[in-house]
Amino acid sequence: MENQTPDIKDYLKIVKKRRKILIIPLIVIALLSIILAVALPSSYRSAATILIEEQEIPSELVKSTVTTFADQRIQVISQRIMSRGNLVEIIKKYDLYADDRKSKTEEVVLAKMRERIKVDTISADVIDPRRGTPTKATIAFVLQFDDHSPVLAQKVANELTSLFLKENIKSRTESAENAALFLSEEARRLKAKIQELQSKLASFKEQNLHQLPEVNQLNQQELTALNNQLMSLDTQERNALDRRFYLEGQLAQIDPNAMATNAAGVRVFGMKDRLKELQSQYPSLLARYSDNHPDVVKTKREIESLQNELGSNADLNKLNAELTEKKAELATLLKQYSDRHPDVVKLQKQISSLRQALTEASQGNYSNVAIEPDNPAYITLKSQLEAVNSDIKSIDVTRGKLKTRIEELRANLMQSPLVEKDYMDLVQELNNTNQRYQEVSAREMEAQISQQLELEKKGERFTLIDPPQEPLEPVSPNRIAILFLGFVLAVAGGFGSVALAEMMDASIHSEKTITNMLGVAPLATIPYLENRAERQKYQAQRRMFMLGALISALAAILLFHFLFMPLDVFWYKLLRVAGGL
């Protein structure tokens, strides 16, 4: 069986047979595309190119307080410009979207205007000066606005460009001012805190003056010096005690009145010497005189009186000698033992008893016969003894003061570690605050310089290099593309309709179809013969179709004229499009 694949002739027969189905969609789609290409309103675009220029003064010398990237700042400024207040003011100023404002809400109108505002950045390959690596940097951007009127497009683009440039200057200036104000306020706060910490530290030092860390070394040195002085005082006291005991021993061996003289300068003998002299004279007197002789009686009485007096003084001298001996023994024991040793305590009690007995004996019957000492040696030793006693008392007083001061220093040294912790915390906090204040002050000065940089427009700035122009040609719609696409869709629609009708038709129209179905070719083919009635019927249908198409075209023209666009305006635009092609 020969190949039954449809060839070009079969397709032509199908097209001829279903030419009506091909022509109607083709014409309709083509007309719609033409109407759409002509009827769509033209959209004009006015654009401004703004260059991003770096600051004139090198950033190494003056750092800007505006640290955001250019594209980020562009987006922020775009959002500020496209705020409700700015857009509403522009819409009212240029009477934009008058029809939409009557029938639609304000949000819809604002959204429509935002869609027609576009900001496109322009980047370039540059070398990062800090890292030395290639990177992308935004060097400029284009601000665009679309509108059906070229004049309004230019005006609104100019308005938006002015707002953009002003907002950039305002934003950078406010940023610099805010940075300077913040740093100034921070510096003031830190300065107040420093003053507060200084006052607190001064009060702390005043309350703990002797426990501060810097005083510890002085306290330690003073404590060492005082201990040395205390040891020196002990040595002085031992020497003074030895001296006192020596002087007391010397005084015990010297007669206070041994060297007394009368007014005539004649030596006055002591009682012992006088008694010896009278006793030596008494036998001579008895040899020369009788017992009742006045001289003998007088001498005898004087001898008896001296014997009685010497007897009482002998008791006192005995007590005094014993007291001196005990003191000497005490001095010897103190060199070997402490004050609490039993022998030392016992000897001290004996010395106290002897002193009390000597005091009572001195206040007895014979105390009234005591005379002032006039022996120069005795007087000298007595004065030296009194000086030694005074030195001993002075040493005791000084030792007490030294011990009190040593206790104070030891207490301060023991308390010092606790005070040191709080003190170091205050000092550390004060140092940290001072360091922070210095940093903030330096940054405040930099911020003020940066603020002056922005006020004088020496920093990074936006420069308008291509102002918005009135567009001469619309940017949309692309009428040629619409016509071409409409033609393609018309052809595709027509042939698609034919293919669809052919697929849905179950009748047999060719020999190949029968051969494909039966597997056997027919013997003969009889063409279809139309009769008169069928021919008249087809002619009537053709006339009705032509009439319907004419009526539909008229109706479409009327609807287009009254609903979309007047025909004269449409004809003018059509001629303009034809002239542009």
Protein backbone atom coordinates (compact mmCIF):
# COMPACT_ATOMS: atom_id res chain seq x y z
CA MET A 1 0.00 0.00 0.00
CA GLU A 2 1.40 3.37 -1.08
CA ASN A 3 2.07 6.19 1.37
CA GLN A 4 -1.17 7.98 2.41
CA THR A 5 0.47 10.95 4.17
CA PRO A 6 -1.37 14.27 3.36
CA ASP A 7 0.55 16.51 0.99
CA ILE A 8 0.37 20.20 0.19
CA LYS A 9 -2.55 19.71 -2.14
CA ASP A 10 -4.61 18.18 0.62
CA TYR A 11 -3.88 21.15 2.89
CA LEU A 12 -4.81 23.59 0.13
CA LYS A 13 -8.09 21.76 -0.39
CA ILE A 14 -8.80 22.00 3.33
CA VAL A 15 -8.04 25.73 3.32
CA LYS A 16 -10.20 26.30 0.25
CA LYS A 17 -13.03 24.29 1.72
CA ARG A 18 -12.90 26.16 5.06
CA ARG A 19 -11.88 29.58 3.79
CA LYS A 20 -14.66 31.26 5.73
CA ILE A 21 -13.39 29.91 9.01
CA LEU A 22 -9.88 31.11 8.02
CA ILE A 23 -10.84 34.60 6.89
CA ILE A 24 -13.17 35.62 9.75
CA PRO A 25 -10.70 35.15 12.69
CA LEU A 26 -7.87 36.55 10.59
CA ILE A 27 -9.77 39.73 9.77
CA VAL A 28 -11.12 40.15 13.32
CA ILE A 29 -7.75 39.72 15.03
CA ALA A 30 -6.01 41.94 12.47
CA LEU A 31 -8.60 44.69 12.96
CA LEU A 32 -8.29 44.41 16.74
CA SER A 33 -4.51 44.69 16.58
CA ILE A 34 -4.73 47.73 14.32
CA ILE A 35 -7.27 49.35 16.63
CA LEU A 36 -5.15 48.50 19.64
CA ALA A 37 -1.98 49.86 18.05
CA VAL A 38 -3.72 53.11 17.15
CA ALA A 39 -5.98 53.47 20.17
CA LEU A 40 -3.42 52.87 22.92
CA PRO A 41 -2.33 56.22 24.36
CA SER A 42 1.28 57.22 23.91
CA SER A 43 3.49 57.31 26.98
CA TYR A 44 6.37 59.82 27.02
CA ARG A 45 9.40 59.51 29.29
CA SER A 46 11.50 62.37 30.62
CA ALA A 47 14.71 61.40 32.40
CA ALA A 48 17.43 63.16 34.37
CA THR A 49 20.94 61.79 34.89
CA ILE A 50 22.52 62.62 38.26
CA LEU A 51 26.22 62.03 38.91
CA ILE A 52 27.50 60.99 42.34
CA GLU A 53 30.65 63.01 43.00
CA GLU A 54 33.08 62.23 45.78
CA GLN A 55 33.92 64.79 48.44
CA GLU A 56 36.51 67.36 47.46
CA ILE A 57 38.63 66.96 50.58
CA PRO A 58 40.29 63.52 50.99
CA SER A 59 38.53 61.27 53.46
CA GLU A 60 41.84 60.67 55.25
CA LEU A 61 41.81 64.32 56.31
CA VAL A 62 38.11 64.82 56.95
CA LYS A 63 35.80 61.87 57.53
CA SER A 64 32.15 62.25 56.63
CA THR A 65 29.46 61.30 59.13
CA VAL A 66 27.30 59.93 56.28
CA THR A 67 28.45 56.31 56.18
CA THR A 68 25.73 54.70 54.04
CA PHE A 69 26.45 53.47 50.50
CA ALA A 70 25.33 55.53 47.53
CA ASP A 71 22.75 53.03 46.24
CA GLN A 72 21.33 52.62 49.74
CA ARG A 73 21.06 56.37 50.16
CA ILE A 74 19.40 56.65 46.73
CA GLN A 75 16.75 54.16 47.78
CA VAL A 76 16.13 55.97 51.06
CA ILE A 77 15.79 59.33 49.33
CA SER A 78 13.48 57.77 46.71
CA GLN A 79 11.17 56.54 49.44
CA ARG A 80 11.13 59.97 51.05
CA ILE A 81 10.38 61.68 47.75
CA MET A 82 7.58 59.26 46.89
CA SER A 83 5.83 59.87 50.18
CA ARG A 84 2.14 60.71 50.16
CA GLY A 85 2.59 64.41 50.88
CA ASN A 86 5.10 65.06 48.08
CA LEU A 87 3.19 63.11 45.44
CA VAL A 88 -0.18 64.66 46.34
CA GLU A 89 1.38 68.12 46.09
CA ILE A 90 2.85 67.35 42.64
CA ILE A 91 -0.44 65.85 41.42
CA LYS A 92 -2.39 68.92 42.47
CA LYS A 93 0.25 71.30 41.14
CA TYR A 94 0.23 69.83 37.61
CA ASP A 95 -3.34 68.49 37.66
CA LEU A 96 -2.27 64.92 36.97
CA TYR A 97 -4.74 62.03 36.54
CA ALA A 98 -7.77 64.29 36.62
CA ASP A 99 -10.15 61.57 35.44
CA ASP A 100 -8.76 58.98 37.82
CA ARG A 101 -9.05 61.32 40.78
CA LYS A 102 -12.78 61.67 40.11
CA SER A 103 -13.49 57.96 40.00
CA LYS A 104 -10.74 56.27 42.00
CA THR A 105 -9.36 56.51 45.49
CA GLU A 106 -6.27 58.49 46.35
CA GLU A 107 -4.27 55.34 47.12
CA VAL A 108 -4.91 53.99 43.62
CA VAL A 109 -3.83 57.29 42.05
CA LEU A 110 -0.67 57.41 44.18
CA ALA A 111 0.17 53.81 43.32
CA LYS A 112 -0.25 54.62 39.61
CA MET A 113 2.12 57.58 39.91
CA ARG A 114 4.69 55.55 41.86
CA GLU A 115 4.70 52.97 39.08
CA ARG A 116 5.62 55.68 36.60
CA ILE A 117 8.56 56.92 38.67
CA LYS A 118 11.71 54.88 38.16
CA VAL A 119 15.23 55.19 39.55
CA ASP A 120 17.93 53.19 37.75
CA THR A 121 21.49 53.17 39.07
CA ILE A 122 24.58 53.22 36.86
CA SER A 123 27.50 51.15 38.12
CA ALA A 124 31.11 50.89 37.02
CA ASP A 125 34.06 48.61 37.74
CA VAL A 126 36.43 50.36 40.14
CA ILE A 127 39.28 49.42 42.46
CA ASP A 128 38.53 49.50 46.17
CA PRO A 129 41.18 51.87 47.63
CA ARG A 130 41.06 50.14 51.02
CA ARG A 131 41.42 46.54 49.82
CA GLY A 132 42.85 47.03 46.35
CA THR A 133 40.36 44.58 44.81
CA PRO A 134 38.04 45.24 41.87
CA THR A 135 34.43 45.90 42.79
CA LYS A 136 31.22 47.47 41.55
CA ALA A 137 30.46 51.04 42.53
CA THR A 138 27.43 53.22 41.83
CA ILE A 139 28.65 56.35 40.04
CA ALA A 140 25.35 57.82 38.82
CA PHE A 141 21.63 57.15 38.54
CA VAL A 142 18.78 58.05 36.20
CA LEU A 143 15.49 59.46 37.48
CA GLN A 144 12.58 58.84 35.07
CA PHE A 145 8.92 59.77 34.88
CA ASP A 146 6.34 58.57 32.31
CA ASP A 147 3.20 60.44 31.30
CA HIS A 148 0.87 60.71 28.31
CA SER A 149 1.85 64.35 27.89
CA PRO A 150 5.50 65.09 27.01
CA VAL A 151 5.25 68.53 28.59
CA LEU A 152 3.91 67.15 31.87
CA ALA A 153 6.51 64.40 31.81
CA GLN A 154 9.29 66.98 31.63
CA LYS A 155 7.77 69.22 34.31
CA VAL A 156 7.19 66.40 36.77
CA ALA A 157 10.67 64.99 36.10
CA ASN A 158 12.13 68.44 36.82
CA GLU A 159 10.11 68.62 40.02
CA LEU A 160 11.24 65.18 41.15
CA THR A 161 14.86 65.95 40.29
CA SER A 162 14.76 69.15 42.37
CA LEU A 163 13.21 67.27 45.26
CA PHE A 164 15.86 64.56 44.95
CA LEU A 165 18.77 67.02 45.03
CA LYS A 166 17.26 69.02 47.89
CA GLU A 167 16.47 65.89 49.88
CA ASN A 168 20.03 64.64 49.46
CA ILE A 169 21.46 67.92 50.80
CA LYS A 170 18.89 67.97 53.59
CA SER A 171 19.53 64.35 54.47
CA ARG A 172 23.32 64.72 54.60
CA THR A 173 23.10 67.99 56.56
CA GLU A 174 20.66 66.53 59.08
CA SER A 175 22.80 63.42 59.41
CA ALA A 176 25.89 65.52 60.15
CA GLU A 177 23.95 67.76 62.58
CA ASN A 178 22.44 64.77 64.38
CA ALA A 179 25.85 63.14 64.68
CA ALA A 180 27.41 66.34 66.05
CA LEU A 181 24.49 66.88 68.44
CA PHE A 182 24.58 63.31 69.68
CA LEU A 183 28.33 63.38 70.28
CA SER A 184 28.08 66.77 71.99
CA GLU A 185 25.37 65.46 74.30
CA GLU A 186 27.38 62.31 74.96
CA ALA A 187 30.49 64.37 75.76
CA ARG A 188 28.48 66.54 78.17
CA ARG A 189 27.06 63.46 79.88
CA LEU A 190 30.50 61.86 80.20
CA LYS A 191 31.97 65.10 81.59
CA ALA A 192 29.25 65.24 84.23
CA LYS A 193 29.93 61.61 85.09
CA ILE A 194 33.67 62.33 85.38
CA GLN A 195 32.96 65.18 87.80
CA GLU A 196 30.67 62.92 89.81
CA LEU A 197 33.32 60.18 89.95
CA GLN A 198 36.01 62.69 90.92
CA SER A 199 33.84 63.96 93.78
CA LYS A 200 33.10 60.40 94.87
CA LEU A 201 36.80 59.52 94.70
CA ALA A 202 37.76 62.62 96.69
CA SER A 203 35.22 61.75 99.39
CA PHE A 204 36.46 58.17 99.44
CA LYS A 205 40.07 59.35 99.84
CA GLU A 206 39.06 61.70 102.63
CA GLN A 207 37.24 58.92 104.49
CA ASN A 208 40.03 56.37 103.99
CA LEU A 209 43.06 58.63 103.93
CA HIS A 210 45.37 56.28 105.87
CA GLN A 211 44.24 53.04 104.14
CA LEU A 212 44.85 54.06 100.53
CA PRO A 213 47.18 51.87 98.42
CA GLU A 214 49.64 54.68 97.78
CA VAL A 215 49.94 55.24 101.55
CA ASN A 216 50.65 51.58 102.34
CA GLN A 217 54.34 51.84 101.58
CA LEU A 218 54.64 54.97 103.72
CA ASN A 219 52.73 53.27 106.53
CA GLN A 220 55.02 50.25 106.28
CA GLN A 221 58.11 52.43 106.36
CA GLU A 222 56.76 54.40 109.31
CA LEU A 223 55.88 51.16 111.12
CA THR A 224 59.43 49.88 110.62
CA ALA A 225 60.86 53.19 111.83
CA LEU A 226 58.61 53.17 114.91
CA ASN A 227 59.62 49.61 115.77
CA ASN A 228 63.24 50.64 115.49
CA GLN A 229 62.54 53.64 117.74
CA LEU A 230 60.77 51.35 120.22
CA MET A 231 63.79 49.06 120.32
CA SER A 232 66.02 52.10 120.79
CA LEU A 233 63.82 53.29 123.66
CA ASP A 234 64.12 49.90 125.33
CA THR A 235 67.91 50.17 125.09
CA GLN A 236 67.80 53.73 126.48
CA GLU A 237 65.51 52.63 129.28
CA ARG A 238 67.82 49.78 130.27
CA ASN A 239 70.76 52.17 130.25
CA ALA A 240 68.79 54.70 132.29
CA LEU A 241 67.79 52.03 134.83
CA ASP A 242 71.39 50.93 135.14
CA ARG A 243 72.41 54.56 135.63
CA ARG A 244 69.68 55.09 138.22
CA PHE A 245 70.68 52.02 140.19
CA TYR A 246 74.29 53.11 140.09
CA LEU A 247 73.44 56.64 141.31
CA GLU A 248 71.19 55.29 144.06
CA GLY A 249 74.06 53.09 145.21
CA GLN A 250 76.41 56.05 145.19
CA LEU A 251 73.95 58.21 147.13
CA ALA A 252 73.58 55.52 149.78
CA GLN A 253 77.31 55.71 150.47
CA ILE A 254 77.58 59.53 150.74
CA ASP A 255 76.60 61.60 153.81
CA PRO A 256 74.37 64.47 152.70
CA ASN A 257 75.81 66.78 155.39
CA ALA A 258 79.41 65.67 155.42
CA MET A 259 80.76 68.88 154.03
CA ALA A 260 78.56 71.44 155.89
CA THR A 261 80.09 74.79 156.99
CA ASN A 262 78.85 77.62 159.21
CA ALA A 263 78.51 81.29 158.39
CA ALA A 264 82.12 81.95 159.23
CA GLY A 265 83.22 79.33 156.73
CA VAL A 266 84.25 76.89 159.44
CA ARG A 267 83.44 73.26 158.72
CA VAL A 268 80.50 71.86 160.68
CA PHE A 269 81.03 68.23 161.61
CA GLY A 270 78.41 65.65 161.16
CA MET A 271 76.69 63.96 164.11
CA LYS A 272 78.94 60.92 163.95
CA ASP A 273 82.07 63.05 163.78
CA ARG A 274 80.75 65.36 166.52
CA LEU A 275 79.96 62.31 168.71
CA LYS A 276 83.45 60.94 168.20
CA GLU A 277 84.98 64.33 169.01
CA LEU A 278 82.92 64.71 172.23
CA GLN A 279 83.66 61.16 173.30
CA SER A 280 87.39 61.84 172.81
CA GLN A 281 87.10 65.12 174.82
CA TYR A 282 84.94 63.65 177.65
CA PRO A 283 87.76 61.74 179.44
CA SER A 284 89.97 64.84 179.40
CA LEU A 285 87.19 66.90 180.96
CA LEU A 286 86.62 64.30 183.67
CA ALA A 287 90.34 64.36 184.42
CA ARG A 288 90.35 68.13 184.85
CA TYR A 289 86.89 68.72 186.31
CA SER A 290 84.46 67.02 188.59
CA ASP A 291 81.30 65.25 187.37
CA ASN A 292 79.18 68.28 188.29
CA HIS A 293 81.28 70.69 186.37
CA PRO A 294 79.16 72.53 183.83
CA ASP A 295 81.42 71.57 180.93
CA VAL A 296 81.37 67.92 181.93
CA VAL A 297 77.57 67.95 182.33
CA LYS A 298 77.12 69.76 179.03
CA THR A 299 79.42 67.36 177.17
CA LYS A 300 77.71 64.33 178.69
CA ARG A 301 74.27 65.58 177.73
CA GLU A 302 75.41 66.35 174.17
CA ILE A 303 76.92 62.85 173.89
CA GLU A 304 73.65 61.24 175.07
CA SER A 305 71.61 63.36 172.70
CA LEU A 306 73.85 62.49 169.71
CA GLN A 307 73.72 58.81 170.62
CA ASN A 308 69.94 58.88 170.65
CA GLU A 309 69.83 60.79 167.33
CA LEU A 310 72.34 58.53 165.65
CA GLY A 311 70.35 55.54 166.82
CA SER A 312 67.16 56.68 164.91
CA ASN A 313 69.13 57.77 161.87
CA ALA A 314 70.88 54.43 161.86
CA ASP A 315 67.51 52.71 161.45
CA LEU A 316 66.72 54.94 158.52
CA ASN A 317 70.09 54.36 156.97
CA LYS A 318 69.65 50.64 157.38
CA LEU A 319 66.31 50.73 155.59
CA ASN A 320 67.74 52.92 152.90
CA ALA A 321 70.75 50.64 152.41
CA GLU A 322 68.49 47.58 152.20
CA LEU A 323 66.27 49.36 149.69
CA THR A 324 69.28 50.24 147.54
CA GLU A 325 70.50 46.63 147.69
CA LYS A 326 67.08 45.32 146.57
CA LYS A 327 66.96 47.78 143.68
CA ALA A 328 70.35 46.62 142.52
CA GLU A 329 69.17 43.01 142.65
CA LEU A 330 66.04 44.00 140.67
CA ALA A 331 68.14 45.65 137.96
CA THR A 332 70.22 42.48 137.69
CA LEU A 333 67.13 40.27 137.38
CA LEU A 334 65.49 42.52 134.76
CA LYS A 335 68.48 42.00 132.51
CA GLN A 336 67.80 38.25 132.59
CA TYR A 337 64.03 37.91 132.97
CA SER A 338 60.83 39.74 131.99
CA ASP A 339 58.63 41.84 134.26
CA ARG A 340 56.30 38.84 134.90
CA HIS A 341 59.02 36.47 136.21
CA PRO A 342 58.19 35.27 139.78
CA ASP A 343 61.55 36.38 141.23
CA VAL A 344 61.13 39.82 139.67
CA VAL A 345 57.57 40.13 141.01
CA LYS A 346 58.68 39.00 144.48
CA LEU A 347 61.56 41.47 144.54
CA GLN A 348 59.29 44.30 143.38
CA LYS A 349 56.93 43.56 146.31
CA GLN A 350 59.86 43.68 148.76
CA ILE A 351 61.03 47.00 147.32
CA SER A 352 57.51 48.40 147.70
CA SER A 353 57.42 47.24 151.36
CA LEU A 354 60.82 48.83 152.10
CA ARG A 355 59.73 52.10 150.50
CA GLN A 356 56.61 52.15 152.64
CA ALA A 357 58.60 51.39 155.82
CA LEU A 358 61.15 54.04 154.98
CA THR A 359 58.33 56.55 154.42
CA GLU A 360 56.73 55.73 157.77
CA ALA A 361 60.12 55.97 159.53
CA SER A 362 60.82 59.32 157.98
CA GLN A 363 57.48 60.59 159.25
CA GLY A 364 58.24 59.35 162.83
CA ASN A 365 59.51 61.14 165.87
CA TYR A 366 62.85 61.97 164.40
CA SER A 367 61.76 63.29 161.13
CA ASN A 368 61.82 66.78 162.40
CA VAL A 369 65.58 66.67 162.88
CA ALA A 370 66.29 66.03 159.20
CA ILE A 371 68.25 68.78 157.52
CA GLU A 372 68.74 69.76 153.95
CA PRO A 373 71.74 68.03 152.36
CA ASP A 374 74.67 70.31 151.75
CA ASN A 375 77.28 67.84 150.50
CA PRO A 376 78.17 68.96 146.89
CA ALA A 377 78.88 65.39 145.77
CA TYR A 378 75.59 64.23 147.24
CA ILE A 379 73.73 67.10 145.64
CA THR A 380 75.34 66.37 142.24
CA LEU A 381 74.46 62.68 142.40
CA LYS A 382 70.97 63.56 143.57
CA SER A 383 70.48 65.88 140.58
CA GLN A 384 71.80 63.22 138.22
CA LEU A 385 69.42 60.69 139.77
CA GLU A 386 66.49 63.05 139.33
CA ALA A 387 67.50 63.62 135.66
CA VAL A 388 67.68 59.86 135.09
CA ASN A 389 64.24 59.41 136.68
CA SER A 390 62.90 62.17 134.43
CA ASP A 391 64.42 60.46 131.40
CA ILE A 392 62.83 57.15 132.40
CA LYS A 393 59.42 58.81 132.74
CA SER A 394 59.90 60.51 129.37
CA ILE A 395 60.86 57.17 127.82
CA ASP A 396 57.68 55.59 129.24
CA VAL A 397 55.52 58.37 127.79
CA THR A 398 57.25 58.14 124.41
CA ARG A 399 56.89 54.35 124.41
CA GLY A 400 53.15 54.67 125.03
CA LYS A 401 52.78 57.09 122.12
CA LEU A 402 54.84 54.86 119.85
CA LYS A 403 52.77 51.79 120.75
CA THR A 404 49.55 53.69 120.09
CA ARG A 405 50.83 54.84 116.70
CA ILE A 406 52.03 51.32 115.86
CA GLU A 407 48.58 49.93 116.63
CA GLU A 408 47.01 52.56 114.38
CA LEU A 409 49.40 51.72 111.52
CA ARG A 410 48.75 47.99 111.90
CA ALA A 411 45.00 48.57 111.82
CA ASN A 412 45.40 50.72 108.68
CA LEU A 413 47.50 48.04 107.00
CA MET A 414 44.95 45.35 107.86
CA GLN A 415 42.10 47.49 106.55
CA SER A 416 43.99 48.53 103.41
CA PRO A 417 43.15 45.45 101.19
CA LEU A 418 39.41 46.01 101.69
CA VAL A 419 39.74 49.71 100.92
CA GLU A 420 42.03 49.01 97.94
CA LYS A 421 39.34 47.02 96.08
CA ASP A 422 36.75 49.82 96.26
CA TYR A 423 39.43 52.40 95.52
CA MET A 424 40.72 50.58 92.44
CA ASP A 425 37.14 50.13 91.18
CA LEU A 426 36.56 53.87 91.43
CA VAL A 427 39.91 54.67 89.78
CA GLN A 428 39.28 52.16 86.97
CA GLU A 429 35.81 53.54 86.32
CA LEU A 430 37.19 57.09 86.30
CA ASN A 431 39.99 56.12 83.88
CA ASN A 432 37.56 54.34 81.56
CA THR A 433 35.22 57.31 81.61
CA ASN A 434 38.11 59.69 80.91
CA GLN A 435 39.24 57.54 77.99
CA ARG A 436 35.71 57.39 76.64
CA TYR A 437 35.37 61.15 77.05
CA GLN A 438 38.59 61.73 75.09
CA GLU A 439 37.35 59.48 72.28
CA VAL A 440 33.93 61.14 72.17
CA SER A 441 35.51 64.62 72.25
CA ALA A 442 37.74 63.73 69.29
CA ARG A 443 34.77 62.33 67.40
CA GLU A 444 32.73 65.39 68.30
CA MET A 445 35.38 67.60 66.73
CA GLU A 446 35.43 65.40 63.62
CA ALA A 447 31.62 65.55 63.45
CA GLN A 448 31.70 69.35 63.65
CA ILE A 449 34.24 69.47 60.83
CA SER A 450 32.08 67.04 58.84
CA GLN A 451 29.05 69.21 59.52
CA GLN A 452 30.90 72.25 58.19
CA LEU A 453 31.94 70.13 55.20
CA GLU A 454 28.30 69.39 54.41
CA LEU A 455 27.19 72.98 54.97
CA GLU A 456 29.79 74.21 52.50
CA LYS A 457 28.82 71.40 50.08
CA LYS A 458 32.34 70.01 49.98
CA GLY A 459 31.31 66.43 50.74
CA GLU A 460 29.89 63.76 48.49
CA ARG A 461 27.12 65.33 46.42
CA PHE A 462 24.66 64.70 43.60
CA THR A 463 25.33 66.72 40.44
CA LEU A 464 22.75 67.05 37.69
CA ILE A 465 24.64 66.39 34.45
CA ASP A 466 21.65 65.77 32.14
CA PRO A 467 18.48 67.68 33.07
CA PRO A 468 15.05 66.37 32.01
CA GLN A 469 14.14 67.21 28.39
CA GLU A 470 10.75 67.28 26.69
CA PRO A 471 10.49 63.88 24.94
CA LEU A 472 9.87 63.96 21.20
CA GLU A 473 8.99 60.29 20.75
CA PRO A 474 6.88 58.07 22.99
CA VAL A 475 8.50 55.14 24.71
CA SER A 476 5.33 53.07 24.64
CA PRO A 477 3.37 51.47 23.15
CA ASN A 478 5.52 49.87 20.46
CA ARG A 479 2.95 50.10 17.69
CA ILE A 480 5.03 48.22 15.10
CA ALA A 481 5.46 45.35 17.52
CA ILE A 482 1.72 45.37 18.24
CA LEU A 483 0.87 45.33 14.50
CA PHE A 484 3.39 42.58 13.81
CA LEU A 485 2.21 40.53 16.74
CA GLY A 486 -1.41 41.11 15.69
CA PHE A 487 -0.65 39.91 12.18
CA VAL A 488 1.03 36.81 13.51
CA LEU A 489 -1.84 36.12 15.88
CA ALA A 490 -4.38 36.73 13.07
CA VAL A 491 -2.69 34.19 10.80
CA ALA A 492 -2.28 31.75 13.64
CA GLY A 493 -5.89 32.24 14.69
CA GLY A 494 -7.19 31.70 11.18
CA PHE A 495 -5.23 28.55 10.49
CA GLY A 496 -5.87 27.36 14.04
CA SER A 497 -9.61 27.73 13.49
CA VAL A 498 -9.35 25.75 10.25
CA ALA A 499 -7.35 23.00 11.98
CA LEU A 500 -9.80 22.87 14.86
CA ALA A 501 -12.82 22.68 12.51
CA GLU A 502 -11.11 19.97 10.48
CA MET A 503 -10.37 17.93 13.58
CA MET A 504 -13.93 18.23 14.85
CA ASP A 505 -15.51 17.33 11.40
CA ALA A 506 -16.17 13.57 11.16
CA SER A 507 -17.30 13.58 7.49
CA ILE A 508 -15.22 12.14 4.63
CA HIS A 509 -13.99 14.58 2.00
CA SER A 510 -11.21 12.72 0.14
CA GLU A 511 -10.17 9.41 -1.30
CA LYS A 512 -7.20 9.18 1.04
CA THR A 513 -9.50 9.24 4.04
CA ILE A 514 -11.44 6.23 2.71
CA THR A 515 -8.19 4.46 1.84
CA ASN A 516 -6.84 5.10 5.37
CA MET A 517 -10.07 3.80 6.89
CA LEU A 518 -10.69 0.77 4.68
CA GLY A 519 -7.22 0.00 3.51
CA VAL A 520 -8.51 -0.22 -0.09
CA ALA A 521 -8.69 2.63 -2.57
CA PRO A 522 -12.12 3.39 -4.08
CA LEU A 523 -12.76 2.41 -7.72
CA ALA A 524 -14.06 5.88 -8.69
CA THR A 525 -14.85 9.32 -7.27
CA ILE A 526 -18.07 11.18 -8.06
CA PRO A 527 -17.84 14.94 -7.38
CA TYR A 528 -20.60 16.70 -5.48
CA LEU A 529 -23.03 18.50 -7.83
CA GLU A 530 -24.96 21.47 -6.45
CA ASN A 531 -28.53 21.99 -7.58
CA ARG A 532 -30.21 25.33 -8.14
CA ALA A 533 -31.74 25.48 -4.66
CA GLU A 534 -28.43 24.86 -2.95
CA ARG A 535 -26.70 27.40 -5.16
CA GLN A 536 -29.33 30.03 -4.29
CA LYS A 537 -29.05 29.09 -0.63
CA TYR A 538 -25.28 29.61 -0.67
CA GLN A 539 -25.65 32.94 -2.42
CA ALA A 540 -28.21 34.07 0.14
CA GLN A 541 -25.88 33.03 2.97
CA ARG A 542 -23.01 34.94 1.33
CA ARG A 543 -25.11 38.08 1.06
CA MET A 544 -26.25 37.72 4.66
CA PHE A 545 -22.62 37.27 5.74
CA MET A 546 -21.50 40.34 3.84
CA LEU A 547 -24.38 42.34 5.27
CA GLY A 548 -23.62 41.13 8.80
CA ALA A 549 -19.95 41.97 8.41
CA LEU A 550 -20.83 45.45 7.17
CA ILE A 551 -23.25 46.02 10.04
CA SER A 552 -20.70 44.72 12.55
CA ALA A 553 -18.03 47.00 11.12
CA LEU A 554 -20.35 50.00 11.34
CA ALA A 555 -21.31 49.07 14.90
CA ALA A 556 -17.68 48.67 15.85
CA ILE A 557 -16.80 52.04 14.32
CA LEU A 558 -19.66 53.73 16.20
CA LEU A 559 -18.70 52.08 19.48
CA PHE A 560 -15.07 53.09 18.96
CA HIS A 561 -16.10 56.67 18.13
CA PHE A 562 -18.33 57.15 21.17
CA LEU A 563 -16.60 54.94 23.75
CA PHE A 564 -12.87 55.09 22.96
CA MET A 565 -11.80 57.87 20.61
CA PRO A 566 -13.38 60.25 18.06
CA LEU A 567 -12.80 59.12 14.52
CA ASP A 568 -11.08 62.35 13.48
CA VAL A 569 -8.57 61.99 16.31
CA PHE A 570 -8.09 58.34 15.41
CA TRP A 571 -7.52 59.28 11.75
CA TYR A 572 -4.96 61.91 12.81
CA LYS A 573 -3.08 59.39 14.95
CA LEU A 574 -3.26 56.81 12.19
CA LEU A 575 -1.71 59.27 9.76
CA ARG A 576 0.95 60.11 12.37
CA VAL A 577 1.77 56.44 12.86
CA ALA A 578 1.89 55.92 9.08
CA GLY A 579 4.20 58.92 8.76
CA GLY A 580 6.41 57.52 11.52
CA LEU A 581 6.66 54.17 9.78
